[in-house]
Every structure is written in C-alpha cells, then in structure tokens.
PDB file of N, CA and C in Angstrom:
ATOM      1  N   MET A   1     156.702  59.946  64.029  1.00  0.00           N
ATOM      2  CA  MET A   1     156.950  58.127  63.720  1.00  0.00           C
ATOM      3  C   MET A   1     155.965  57.432  64.670  1.00  0.00           C
ATOM      4  N   ALA A   2     155.711  56.404  64.041  1.00  0.00           N
ATOM      5  CA  ALA A   2     155.055  55.038  65.217  1.00  0.00           C
ATOM      6  C   ALA A   2     155.656  54.070  65.077  1.00  0.00           C
ATOM      7  N   GLY A   3     155.410  52.991  65.902  1.00  0.00           N
ATOM      8  CA  GLY A   3     155.612  51.459  66.048  1.00  0.00           C
ATOM      9  C   GLY A   3     155.557  50.955  67.081  1.00  0.00           C
ATOM     10  N   ARG A   4     156.299  49.815  67.701  1.00  0.00           N
ATOM     11  CA  ARG A   4     155.797  49.031  68.423  1.00  0.00           C
ATOM     12  C   ARG A   4     157.169  48.632  69.695  1.00  0.00           C
ATOM     13  N   TYR A   5     157.123  48.793  70.860  1.00  0.00           N
ATOM     14  CA  TYR A   5     158.068  48.045  71.830  1.00  0.00           C
ATOM     15  C   TYR A   5     157.593  46.962  72.463  1.00  0.00           C
ATOM     16  N   THR A   6     158.855  46.237  72.381  1.00  0.00           N
ATOM     17  CA  THR A   6     158.569  44.804  72.934  1.00  0.00           C
ATOM     18  C   THR A   6     159.280  45.021  74.137  1.00  0.00           C
ATOM     19  N   ALA A   7     158.517  44.310  75.468  1.00  0.00           N
ATOM     20  CA  ALA A   7     159.401  44.175  76.590  1.00  0.00           C
ATOM     21  C   ALA A   7     160.174  43.157  76.816  1.00  0.00           C
ATOM     22  N   LYS A   8     161.323  43.487  77.303  1.00  0.00           N
ATOM     23  CA  LYS A   8     162.194  42.191  77.096  1.00  0.00           C
ATOM     24  C   LYS A   8     161.739  41.091  78.491  1.00  0.00           C
ATOM     25  N   SER A   9     161.057  41.650  79.517  1.00  0.00           N
ATOM     26  CA  SER A   9     161.173  40.979  80.710  1.00  0.00           C
ATOM     27  C   SER A   9     159.740  39.814  80.549  1.00  0.00           C
ATOM     28  N   ASP A  10     158.757  40.498  79.784  1.00  0.00           N
ATOM     29  CA  ASP A  10     157.440  39.723  79.688  1.00  0.00           C
ATOM     30  C   ASP A  10     157.283  39.449  78.181  1.00  0.00           C
ATOM     31  N   GLY A  11     157.659  40.043  77.356  1.00  0.00           N
ATOM     32  CA  GLY A  11     157.352  39.886  75.984  1.00  0.00           C
ATOM     33  C   GLY A  11     156.082  40.622  75.335  1.00  0.00           C
ATOM     34  N   ALA A  12     155.138  41.570  76.563  1.00  0.00           N
ATOM     35  CA  ALA A  12     154.174  42.416  76.011  1.00  0.00           C
ATOM     36  C   ALA A  12     154.709  43.488  74.950  1.00  0.00           C
ATOM     37  N   VAL A  13     153.749  43.715  74.101  1.00  0.00           N
ATOM     38  CA  VAL A  13     154.011  44.833  73.301  1.00  0.00           C
ATOM     39  C   VAL A  13     153.255  46.034  73.283  1.00  0.00           C
ATOM     40  N   TYR A  14     153.844  47.134  73.173  1.00  0.00           N
ATOM     41  CA  TYR A  14     153.224  48.491  73.342  1.00  0.00           C
ATOM     42  C   TYR A  14     153.064  49.391  72.123  1.00  0.00           C
ATOM     43  N   ASN A  15     152.461  50.241  71.951  1.00  0.00           N
ATOM     44  CA  ASN A  15     152.321  50.946  71.137  1.00  0.00           C
ATOM     45  C   ASN A  15     153.544  52.277  71.501  1.00  0.00           C
ATOM     46  N   VAL A  16     153.897  52.717  70.594  1.00  0.00           N
ATOM     47  CA  VAL A  16     155.280  53.651  70.404  1.00  0.00           C
ATOM     48  C   VAL A  16     155.018  55.078  69.199  1.00  0.00           C
ATOM     49  N   ARG A  17     155.050  56.077  69.782  1.00  0.00           N
ATOM     50  CA  ARG A  17     154.893  57.091  69.125  1.00  0.00           C
ATOM     51  C   ARG A  17     155.894  58.034  69.512  1.00  0.00           C
ATOM     52  N   GLY A  18     156.258  58.996  68.473  1.00  0.00           N
ATOM     53  CA  GLY A  18     157.450  59.949  68.674  1.00  0.00           C
ATOM     54  C   GLY A  18     158.024  61.211  67.691  1.00  0.00           C
ATOM     55  N   ASN A  19     158.955  61.771  67.871  1.00  0.00           N
ATOM     56  CA  ASN A  19     158.901  62.896  66.983  1.00  0.00           C
ATOM     57  C   ASN A  19     160.527  62.676  66.753  1.00  0.00           C
ATOM     58  N   VAL A  20     161.207  62.744  65.655  1.00  0.00           N
ATOM     59  CA  VAL A  20     162.607  63.232  65.122  1.00  0.00           C
ATOM     60  C   VAL A  20     162.471  64.045  64.263  1.00  0.00           C
ATOM     61  N   LYS A  21     163.445  65.195  63.992  1.00  0.00           N
ATOM     62  CA  LYS A  21     163.451  66.081  63.079  1.00  0.00           C
ATOM     63  C   LYS A  21     164.017  65.434  61.811  1.00  0.00           C
ATOM     64  N   THR A  22     163.116  66.079  60.704  1.00  0.00           N
ATOM     65  CA  THR A  22     163.283  65.289  59.270  1.00  0.00           C
ATOM     66  C   THR A  22     163.243  66.471  58.516  1.00  0.00           C
ATOM     67  N   SER A  23     163.660  66.789  57.371  1.00  0.00           N
ATOM     68  CA  SER A  23     163.258  67.639  56.656  1.00  0.00           C
ATOM     69  C   SER A  23     161.892  68.057  56.313  1.00  0.00           C
ATOM     70  N   ALA A  24     161.308  66.846  56.468  1.00  0.00           N
ATOM     71  CA  ALA A  24     159.863  66.865  56.125  1.00  0.00           C
ATOM     72  C   ALA A  24     158.912  67.561  57.425  1.00  0.00           C
ATOM     73  N   ASN A  25     159.393  67.680  58.867  1.00  0.00           N
ATOM     74  CA  ASN A  25     158.785  68.205  59.590  1.00  0.00           C
ATOM     75  C   ASN A  25     159.430  69.283  60.509  1.00  0.00           C
ATOM     76  N   ALA A  26     160.604  69.461  60.157  1.00  0.00           N
ATOM     77  CA  ALA A  26     161.533  70.465  61.017  1.00  0.00           C
ATOM     78  C   ALA A  26     160.832  71.805  61.010  1.00  0.00           C
ATOM     79  N   ALA A  27     159.888  72.208  60.039  1.00  0.00           N
ATOM     80  CA  ALA A  27     158.776  73.721  60.536  1.00  0.00           C
ATOM     81  C   ALA A  27     157.959  73.357  61.531  1.00  0.00           C
ATOM     82  N   SER A  28     157.650  72.177  62.005  1.00  0.00           N
ATOM     83  CA  SER A  28     156.644  71.834  63.074  1.00  0.00           C
ATOM     84  C   SER A  28     157.293  71.530  64.319  1.00  0.00           C
ATOM     85  N   LEU A  29     158.448  71.638  64.346  1.00  0.00           N
ATOM     86  CA  LEU A  29     158.996  71.443  65.728  1.00  0.00           C
ATOM     87  C   LEU A  29     159.876  72.915  65.952  1.00  0.00           C
ATOM     88  N   PRO A  30     160.238  73.002  67.470  1.00  0.00           N
ATOM     89  CA  PRO A  30     160.832  74.033  67.857  1.00  0.00           C
ATOM     90  C   PRO A  30     162.186  74.244  67.223  1.00  0.00           C
ATOM     91  N   SER A  31     162.272  75.616  66.886  1.00  0.00           N
ATOM     92  CA  SER A  31     163.628  76.200  66.177  1.00  0.00           C
ATOM     93  C   SER A  31     164.861  75.604  66.715  1.00  0.00           C
ATOM     94  N   ASP A  32     165.251  75.265  67.619  1.00  0.00           N
ATOM     95  CA  ASP A  32     165.863  74.592  68.648  1.00  0.00           C
ATOM     96  C   ASP A  32     166.197  73.288  68.930  1.00  0.00           C
ATOM     97  N   TRP A  33     165.435  72.592  68.116  1.00  0.00           N
ATOM     98  CA  TRP A  33     165.498  70.865  68.255  1.00  0.00           C
ATOM     99  C   TRP A  33     166.562  70.443  67.570  1.00  0.00           C
ATOM    100  N   PRO A  34     167.511  69.877  68.582  1.00  0.00           N
ATOM    101  CA  PRO A  34     168.632  69.159  67.796  1.00  0.00           C
ATOM    102  C   PRO A  34     168.410  68.022  66.763  1.00  0.00           C
ATOM    103  N   ASN A  35     169.203  67.843  65.877  1.00  0.00           N
ATOM    104  CA  ASN A  35     168.933  66.774  64.940  1.00  0.00           C
ATOM    105  C   ASN A  35     169.314  65.403  65.362  1.00  0.00           C
ATOM    106  N   HIS A  36     170.046  65.231  66.720  1.00  0.00           N
ATOM    107  CA  HIS A  36     170.108  64.224  67.030  1.00  0.00           C
ATOM    108  C   HIS A  36     169.439  63.725  68.423  1.00  0.00           C
ATOM    109  N   LYS A  37     167.936  64.347  68.466  1.00  0.00           N
ATOM    110  CA  LYS A  37     166.941  64.430  69.421  1.00  0.00           C
ATOM    111  C   LYS A  37     165.654  63.787  69.130  1.00  0.00           C
ATOM    112  N   ILE A  38     165.329  62.745  69.935  1.00  0.00           N
ATOM    113  CA  ILE A  38     164.193  61.757  69.543  1.00  0.00           C
ATOM    114  C   ILE A  38     163.531  62.198  70.633  1.00  0.00           C
ATOM    115  N   GLU A  39     161.908  62.392  70.493  1.00  0.00           N
ATOM    116  CA  GLU A  39     161.059  62.214  71.507  1.00  0.00           C
ATOM    117  C   GLU A  39     160.133  61.013  71.178  1.00  0.00           C
ATOM    118  N   LEU A  40     160.016  59.821  72.412  1.00  0.00           N
ATOM    119  CA  LEU A  40     159.172  58.781  72.161  1.00  0.00           C
ATOM    120  C   LEU A  40     158.209  58.837  73.323  1.00  0.00           C
ATOM    121  N   TYR A  41     157.135  58.518  73.015  1.00  0.00           N
ATOM    122  CA  TYR A  41     155.954  57.760  74.046  1.00  0.00           C
ATOM    123  C   TYR A  41     155.477  56.638  74.016  1.00  0.00           C
ATOM    124  N   ILE A  42     155.545  55.735  74.890  1.00  0.00           N
ATOM    125  CA  ILE A  42     154.973  54.272  74.990  1.00  0.00           C
ATOM    126  C   ILE A  42     153.999  54.149  75.763  1.00  0.00           C
ATOM    127  N   ASP A  43     152.997  53.414  75.009  1.00  0.00           N
ATOM    128  CA  ASP A  43     151.432  53.272  75.498  1.00  0.00           C
ATOM    129  C   ASP A  43     151.536  52.188  76.713  1.00  0.00           C
ATOM    130  N   PHE A  44     152.103  52.202  77.922  1.00  0.00           N
ATOM    131  CA  PHE A  44     152.367  50.852  78.840  1.00  0.00           C
ATOM    132  C   PHE A  44     150.882  50.682  79.569  1.00  0.00           C
ATOM    133  N   ALA A  45     150.108  51.789  79.347  1.00  0.00           N
ATOM    134  CA  ALA A  45     148.683  51.642  79.688  1.00  0.00           C
ATOM    135  C   ALA A  45     147.567  50.873  78.901  1.00  0.00           C
ATOM    136  N   ASN A  46     148.261  50.841  77.674  1.00  0.00           N
ATOM    137  CA  ASN A  46     147.463  50.164  76.458  1.00  0.00           C
ATOM    138  C   ASN A  46     145.728  50.858  76.493  1.00  0.00           C
ATOM    139  N   THR A  47     146.006  52.184  76.263  1.00  0.00           N
ATOM    140  CA  THR A  47     144.995  53.415  76.173  1.00  0.00           C
ATOM    141  C   THR A  47     144.924  53.825  74.949  1.00  0.00           C
ATOM    142  N   THR A  48     143.436  54.569  74.644  1.00  0.00           N
ATOM    143  CA  THR A  48     143.567  55.314  73.449  1.00  0.00           C
ATOM    144  C   THR A  48     143.906  56.902  73.963  1.00  0.00           C
ATOM    145  N   ASN A  49     144.033  56.981  75.282  1.00  0.00           N
ATOM    146  CA  ASN A  49     144.677  58.192  76.095  1.00  0.00           C
ATOM    147  C   ASN A  49     145.796  58.736  75.940  1.00  0.00           C
ATOM    148  N   LEU A  50     146.278  59.414  74.997  1.00  0.00           N
ATOM    149  CA  LEU A  50     147.546  59.954  74.821  1.00  0.00           C
ATOM    150  C   LEU A  50     148.501  60.520  76.126  1.00  0.00           C
ATOM    151  N   ASP A  51     147.391  61.137  76.634  1.00  0.00           N
ATOM    152  CA  ASP A  51     148.339  61.766  78.177  1.00  0.00           C
ATOM    153  C   ASP A  51     148.716  60.698  79.267  1.00  0.00           C
ATOM    154  N   ASP A  52     148.199  59.568  79.009  1.00  0.00           N
ATOM    155  CA  ASP A  52     149.114  58.428  79.956  1.00  0.00           C
ATOM    156  C   ASP A  52     150.406  57.868  79.659  1.00  0.00           C
ATOM    157  N   ASP A  53     150.543  58.037  78.396  1.00  0.00           N
ATOM    158  CA  ASP A  53     151.828  57.536  77.450  1.00  0.00           C
ATOM    159  C   ASP A  53     153.198  57.988  78.243  1.00  0.00           C
ATOM    160  N   GLN A  54     153.992  57.347  78.648  1.00  0.00           N
ATOM    161  CA  GLN A  54     155.358  57.683  79.130  1.00  0.00           C
ATOM    162  C   GLN A  54     156.145  57.961  78.098  1.00  0.00           C
ATOM    163  N   LYS A  55     156.661  59.334  78.412  1.00  0.00           N
ATOM    164  CA  LYS A  55     157.392  60.128  77.638  1.00  0.00           C
ATOM    165  C   LYS A  55     158.994  59.614  77.909  1.00  0.00           C
ATOM    166  N   PHE A  56     159.723  59.500  76.710  1.00  0.00           N
ATOM    167  CA  PHE A  56     161.250  59.410  76.692  1.00  0.00           C
ATOM    168  C   PHE A  56     161.748  60.371  76.281  1.00  0.00           C
ATOM    169  N   GLU A  57     162.798  61.193  76.633  1.00  0.00           N
ATOM    170  CA  GLU A  57     163.479  62.113  75.781  1.00  0.00           C
ATOM    171  C   GLU A  57     164.887  61.536  75.442  1.00  0.00           C
ATOM    172  N   CYS A  58     165.224  61.219  74.419  1.00  0.00           N
ATOM    173  CA  CYS A  58     166.209  60.831  73.946  1.00  0.00           C
ATOM    174  C   CYS A  58     167.322  61.500  73.088  1.00  0.00           C
ATOM    175  N   TYR A  59     168.553  61.343  73.205  1.00  0.00           N
ATOM    176  CA  TYR A  59     169.817  61.805  72.520  1.00  0.00           C
ATOM    177  C   TYR A  59     170.456  60.773  71.612  1.00  0.00           C
ATOM    178  N   LEU A  60     170.791  60.821  70.649  1.00  0.00           N
ATOM    179  CA  LEU A  60     171.224  59.920  69.871  1.00  0.00           C
ATOM    180  C   LEU A  60     172.848  60.233  70.283  1.00  0.00           C
ATOM    181  N   PHE A  61     173.635  59.636  70.079  1.00  0.00           N
ATOM    182  CA  PHE A  61     175.138  59.687  70.219  1.00  0.00           C
ATOM    183  C   PHE A  61     175.678  60.175  68.812  1.00  0.00           C
ATOM    184  N   ALA A  62     175.898  61.423  68.572  1.00  0.00           N
ATOM    185  CA  ALA A  62     176.050  62.106  67.158  1.00  0.00           C
ATOM    186  C   ALA A  62     176.968  61.441  66.563  1.00  0.00           C
ATOM    187  N   GLN A  63     177.942  61.273  66.889  1.00  0.00           N
ATOM    188  CA  GLN A  63     178.947  60.693  65.620  1.00  0.00           C
ATOM    189  C   GLN A  63     178.518  59.257  65.153  1.00  0.00           C
ATOM    190  N   THR A  64     178.079  58.326  65.956  1.00  0.00           N
ATOM    191  CA  THR A  64     177.623  56.615  65.394  1.00  0.00           C
ATOM    192  C   THR A  64     176.271  56.696  65.540  1.00  0.00           C
ATOM    193  N   LYS A  65     175.407  57.102  66.370  1.00  0.00           N
ATOM    194  CA  LYS A  65     173.914  57.037  66.019  1.00  0.00           C
ATOM    195  C   LYS A  65     173.725  55.685  66.253  1.00  0.00           C
ATOM    196  N   ASP A  66     174.374  54.763  67.182  1.00  0.00           N
ATOM    197  CA  ASP A  66     174.002  53.592  67.322  1.00  0.00           C
ATOM    198  C   ASP A  66     173.620  53.522  69.049  1.00  0.00           C
ATOM    199  N   VAL A  67     173.665  54.690  69.617  1.00  0.00           N
ATOM    200  CA  VAL A  67     173.522  54.633  70.892  1.00  0.00           C
ATOM    201  C   VAL A  67     172.848  55.840  71.273  1.00  0.00           C
ATOM    202  N   MET A  68     171.897  55.733  72.516  1.00  0.00           N
ATOM    203  CA  MET A  68     171.245  57.010  72.826  1.00  0.00           C
ATOM    204  C   MET A  68     171.009  56.983  74.415  1.00  0.00           C
ATOM    205  N   ALA A  69     170.961  57.881  74.620  1.00  0.00           N
ATOM    206  CA  ALA A  69     170.731  57.895  76.461  1.00  0.00           C
ATOM    207  C   ALA A  69     169.522  59.344  76.539  1.00  0.00           C
ATOM    208  N   GLY A  70     169.145  59.093  77.651  1.00  0.00           N
ATOM    209  CA  GLY A  70     167.918  60.254  77.985  1.00  0.00           C
ATOM    210  C   GLY A  70     167.518  60.033  79.383  1.00  0.00           C
ATOM    211  N   ILE A  71     166.320  60.482  79.355  1.00  0.00           N
ATOM    212  CA  ILE A  71     165.576  60.608  80.420  1.00  0.00           C
ATOM    213  C   ILE A  71     164.247  60.136  80.180  1.00  0.00           C
ATOM    214  N   THR A  72     163.207  59.657  81.257  1.00  0.00           N
ATOM    215  CA  THR A  72     161.853  59.260  81.402  1.00  0.00           C
ATOM    216  C   THR A  72     161.690  59.722  82.913  1.00  0.00           C
ATOM    217  N   TRP A  73     160.182  59.849  82.905  1.00  0.00           N
ATOM    218  CA  TRP A  73     159.661  59.848  83.902  1.00  0.00           C
ATOM    219  C   TRP A  73     158.468  59.020  84.320  1.00  0.00           C
ATOM    220  N   TRP A  74     158.506  58.609  85.851  1.00  0.00           N
ATOM    221  CA  TRP A  74     157.523  57.565  86.052  1.00  0.00           C
ATOM    222  C   TRP A  74     156.767  58.222  87.279  1.00  0.00           C
ATOM    223  N   ASN A  75     155.486  58.008  87.602  1.00  0.00           N
ATOM    224  CA  ASN A  75     155.116  58.834  88.521  1.00  0.00           C
ATOM    225  C   ASN A  75     155.656  60.006  88.975  1.00  0.00           C
ATOM    226  N   ALA A  76     155.985  60.752  87.938  1.00  0.00           N
ATOM    227  CA  ALA A  76     156.714  62.134  88.117  1.00  0.00           C
ATOM    228  C   ALA A  76     158.259  62.073  89.004  1.00  0.00           C
ATOM    229  N   VAL A  77     158.826  60.842  88.728  1.00  0.00           N
ATOM    230  CA  VAL A  77     160.349  60.869  89.101  1.00  0.00           C
ATOM    231  C   VAL A  77     160.795  60.653  87.898  1.00  0.00           C
ATOM    232  N   PRO A  78     162.231  61.379  87.684  1.00  0.00           N
ATOM    233  CA  PRO A  78     163.142  61.194  86.458  1.00  0.00           C
ATOM    234  C   PRO A  78     163.951  60.028  86.520  1.00  0.00           C
ATOM    235  N   PHE A  79     164.293  59.364  85.761  1.00  0.00           N
ATOM    236  CA  PHE A  79     165.041  57.847  85.571  1.00  0.00           C
ATOM    237  C   PHE A  79     165.677  58.136  84.244  1.00  0.00           C
ATOM    238  N   GLY A  80     167.202  57.805  84.279  1.00  0.00           N
ATOM    239  CA  GLY A  80     167.798  57.932  83.411  1.00  0.00           C
ATOM    240  C   GLY A  80     167.619  56.886  82.279  1.00  0.00           C
ATOM    241  N   PHE A  81     168.265  56.506  81.091  1.00  0.00           N
ATOM    242  CA  PHE A  81     168.328  55.367  80.548  1.00  0.00           C
ATOM    243  C   PHE A  81     169.399  55.517  79.368  1.00  0.00           C
ATOM    244  N   PHE A  82     169.688  54.271  78.772  1.00  0.00           N
ATOM    245  CA  PHE A  82     170.526  54.333  77.536  1.00  0.00           C
ATOM    246  C   PHE A  82     170.350  53.025  77.186  1.00  0.00           C
ATOM    247  N   ALA A  83     170.196  53.304  75.847  1.00  0.00           N
ATOM    248  CA  ALA A  83     170.065  51.907  75.031  1.00  0.00           C
ATOM    249  C   ALA A  83     170.682  52.188  73.407  1.00  0.00           C
ATOM    250  N   GLU A  84     171.227  50.454  73.310  1.00  0.00           N
ATOM    251  CA  GLU A  84     171.962  50.423  71.806  1.00  0.00           C
ATOM    252  C   GLU A  84     171.313  49.738  71.029  1.00  0.00           C
ATOM    253  N   LYS A  85     172.034  50.404  69.721  1.00  0.00           N
ATOM    254  CA  LYS A  85     171.180  49.586  68.542  1.00  0.00           C
ATOM    255  C   LYS A  85     171.568  48.204  68.066  1.00  0.00           C
ATOM    256  N   ARG A  86     170.792  47.415  68.219  1.00  0.00           N
ATOM    257  CA  ARG A  86     171.156  45.849  67.852  1.00  0.00           C
ATOM    258  C   ARG A  86     171.563  45.867  66.424  1.00  0.00           C
ATOM    259  N   GLN A  87     172.552  44.951  66.514  1.00  0.00           N
ATOM    260  CA  GLN A  87     173.310  44.821  65.101  1.00  0.00           C
ATOM    261  C   GLN A  87     172.276  43.876  64.230  1.00  0.00           C
ATOM    262  N   ALA A  88     172.105  44.248  62.977  1.00  0.00           N
ATOM    263  CA  ALA A  88     171.317  43.545  62.012  1.00  0.00           C
ATOM    264  C   ALA A  88     172.235  42.239  62.118  1.00  0.00           C
ATOM    265  N   PRO A  89     171.103  41.127  61.534  1.00  0.00           N
ATOM    266  CA  PRO A  89     171.882  39.838  61.273  1.00  0.00           C
ATOM    267  C   PRO A  89     172.294  40.189  59.834  1.00  0.00           C
ATOM    268  N   ALA A  90     173.260  39.364  59.323  1.00  0.00           N
ATOM    269  CA  ALA A  90     173.626  39.261  57.948  1.00  0.00           C
ATOM    270  C   ALA A  90     172.870  38.725  56.964  1.00  0.00           C
ATOM    271  N   PRO A  91     172.707  39.496  55.816  1.00  0.00           N
ATOM    272  CA  PRO A  91     171.287  38.896  54.889  1.00  0.00           C
ATOM    273  C   PRO A  91     171.626  37.559  54.556  1.00  0.00           C
ATOM    274  N   ARG A  92     170.530  36.643  54.294  1.00  0.00           N
ATOM    275  CA  ARG A  92     170.787  35.458  54.283  1.00  0.00           C
ATOM    276  C   ARG A  92     169.927  35.219  52.653  1.00  0.00           C
ATOM    277  N   LYS A  93     170.173  34.264  52.150  1.00  0.00           N
ATOM    278  CA  LYS A  93     169.731  33.583  50.801  1.00  0.00           C
ATOM    279  C   LYS A  93     168.379  32.899  51.106  1.00  0.00           C
ATOM    280  N   LEU A  94     167.746  33.152  50.750  1.00  0.00           N
ATOM    281  CA  LEU A  94     166.303  32.336  50.771  1.00  0.00           C
ATOM    282  C   LEU A  94     166.356  31.316  49.765  1.00  0.00           C
ATOM    283  N   ALA A  95     165.440  30.282  50.081  1.00  0.00           N
ATOM    284  CA  ALA A  95     165.064  28.824  49.027  1.00  0.00           C
ATOM    285  C   ALA A  95     164.643  29.523  47.619  1.00  0.00           C
ATOM    286  N   ASN A  96     164.182  30.187  47.547  1.00  0.00           N
ATOM    287  CA  ASN A  96     163.692  30.775  46.326  1.00  0.00           C
ATOM    288  C   ASN A  96     164.729  31.680  45.587  1.00  0.00           C
ATOM    289  N   ASN A  97     166.207  31.657  46.417  1.00  0.00           N
ATOM    290  CA  ASN A  97     167.092  32.573  45.537  1.00  0.00           C
ATOM    291  C   ASN A  97     167.017  34.094  45.894  1.00  0.00           C
ATOM    292  N   GLY A  98     165.959  34.418  46.759  1.00  0.00           N
ATOM    293  CA  GLY A  98     165.881  35.756  47.375  1.00  0.00           C
ATOM    294  C   GLY A  98     166.865  36.215  48.145  1.00  0.00           C
ATOM    295  N   ILE A  99     167.079  37.575  48.507  1.00  0.00           N
ATOM    296  CA  ILE A  99     167.853  37.807  49.898  1.00  0.00           C
ATOM    297  C   ILE A  99     167.085  38.221  50.255  1.00  0.00           C
ATOM    298  N   LEU A 100     167.270  37.909  52.014  1.00  0.00           N
ATOM    299  CA  LEU A 100     166.375  38.808  53.372  1.00  0.00           C
ATOM    300  C   LEU A 100     167.563  39.712  53.626  1.00  0.00           C
ATOM    301  N   ASP A 101     167.571  40.891  53.285  1.00  0.00           N
ATOM    302  CA  ASP A 101     168.335  42.045  53.727  1.00  0.00           C
ATOM    303  C   ASP A 101     168.254  41.988  55.188  1.00  0.00           C
ATOM    304  N   GLY A 102     169.441  41.911  55.904  1.00  0.00           N
ATOM    305  CA  GLY A 102     169.492  42.055  57.444  1.00  0.00           C
ATOM    306  C   GLY A 102     168.880  43.357  58.078  1.00  0.00           C
ATOM    307  N   ASN A 103     169.176  44.262  57.026  1.00  0.00           N
ATOM    308  CA  ASN A 103     168.734  45.762  57.791  1.00  0.00           C
ATOM    309  C   ASN A 103     167.512  45.809  57.892  1.00  0.00           C
ATOM    310  N   ILE A 104     166.758  44.873  57.428  1.00  0.00           N
ATOM    311  CA  ILE A 104     164.889  45.187  57.962  1.00  0.00           C
ATOM    312  C   ILE A 104     164.818  44.846  59.571  1.00  0.00           C
ATOM    313  N   TRP A 105     165.870  44.068  60.141  1.00  0.00           N
ATOM    314  CA  TRP A 105     165.953  43.298  61.290  1.00  0.00           C
ATOM    315  C   TRP A 105     166.580  44.147  62.677  1.00  0.00           C
ATOM    316  N   TYR A 106     166.281  45.367  62.390  1.00  0.00           N
ATOM    317  CA  TYR A 106     167.049  45.874  63.688  1.00  0.00           C
ATOM    318  C   TYR A 106     166.061  46.477  64.479  1.00  0.00           C
ATOM    319  N   ASP A 107     166.418  46.909  65.693  1.00  0.00           N
ATOM    320  CA  ASP A 107     165.629  47.432  66.577  1.00  0.00           C
ATOM    321  C   ASP A 107     166.302  48.290  67.810  1.00  0.00           C
ATOM    322  N   TRP A 108     166.058  48.717  68.817  1.00  0.00           N
ATOM    323  CA  TRP A 108     166.476  49.167  70.137  1.00  0.00           C
ATOM    324  C   TRP A 108     166.529  48.320  70.908  1.00  0.00           C
ATOM    325  N   VAL A 109     167.590  48.189  71.723  1.00  0.00           N
ATOM    326  CA  VAL A 109     167.327  47.419  73.162  1.00  0.00           C
ATOM    327  C   VAL A 109     167.748  48.293  74.190  1.00  0.00           C
ATOM    328  N   THR A 110     166.814  48.414  75.051  1.00  0.00           N
ATOM    329  CA  THR A 110     166.864  49.038  76.443  1.00  0.00           C
ATOM    330  C   THR A 110     168.070  48.235  77.273  1.00  0.00           C
ATOM    331  N   VAL A 111     169.341  48.834  77.670  1.00  0.00           N
ATOM    332  CA  VAL A 111     170.259  47.888  78.175  1.00  0.00           C
ATOM    333  C   VAL A 111     170.260  48.469  79.860  1.00  0.00           C
ATOM    334  N   GLY A 112     169.960  49.512  79.899  1.00  0.00           N
ATOM    335  CA  GLY A 112     170.139  49.934  81.305  1.00  0.00           C
ATOM    336  C   GLY A 112     169.305  50.983  81.662  1.00  0.00           C
ATOM    337  N   VAL A 113     168.205  51.013  82.587  1.00  0.00           N
ATOM    338  CA  VAL A 113     167.529  52.048  83.226  1.00  0.00           C
ATOM    339  C   VAL A 113     168.164  52.170  84.661  1.00  0.00           C
ATOM    340  N   LYS A 114     168.441  53.340  85.262  1.00  0.00           N
ATOM    341  CA  LYS A 114     168.810  53.670  86.465  1.00  0.00           C
ATOM    342  C   LYS A 114     168.096  54.566  87.176  1.00  0.00           C
TER     343      LYS A 114
END
C-alpha cells in the first residue's frame, strides 16, 4: 500500500508505504502475520532512500477496526502510539445532482504518541 501522511502540527505532507495482509499478498508475508497487523513506513526525511523511513508497527482493534495501536522507533528509542479512524462526513448532494460519497473522505488521525 502507499499513500501520504499530513502532519497535524505544520501541514507537511510525507510519503507513506506499508504492508497489510490481503488475499493477493498473503504468500509474500510471513505465515504468522496477523490479519489485523499493518506495517507503515513514513518518509519524514523526504528522500528516495527507503532505509531512513520511520517504521510504525500497527495493530487494528480486531472487532471494530476503527482504532489501532502500536510502536514506532525514533533514534532507536521505542515509542507507543494509538490512532483513531476519522468519521467520514455524510454524503452531500452536489449542484449537478451527483452525490459526493462521504466514504472517500476518511483518514487516520494520530491522537496520541507516548
């Protein structure tokens, strides 16, 4: 998977890459990889070097899948974190009678890093 992370503090945007188990990639991941695990790498250094990306090992809450918690490392020091999935806004009717589906407007919000 790939995407972007926007920092709440200053609005800076960073590239993100990661892994989550799907039927398409299950064979390429370790056999003991849980279905609710997500591994993310954020390129805070804004480089093409993948080795300097910050790793986040995340675990979705198994029942609701709308909260995740995990661990990240900064300068070899571990930090715990958790994040909640933002509620998508309700669909809106557009001027051309189309519908803007609120489901496309979701993202993860980090609500705590300890």
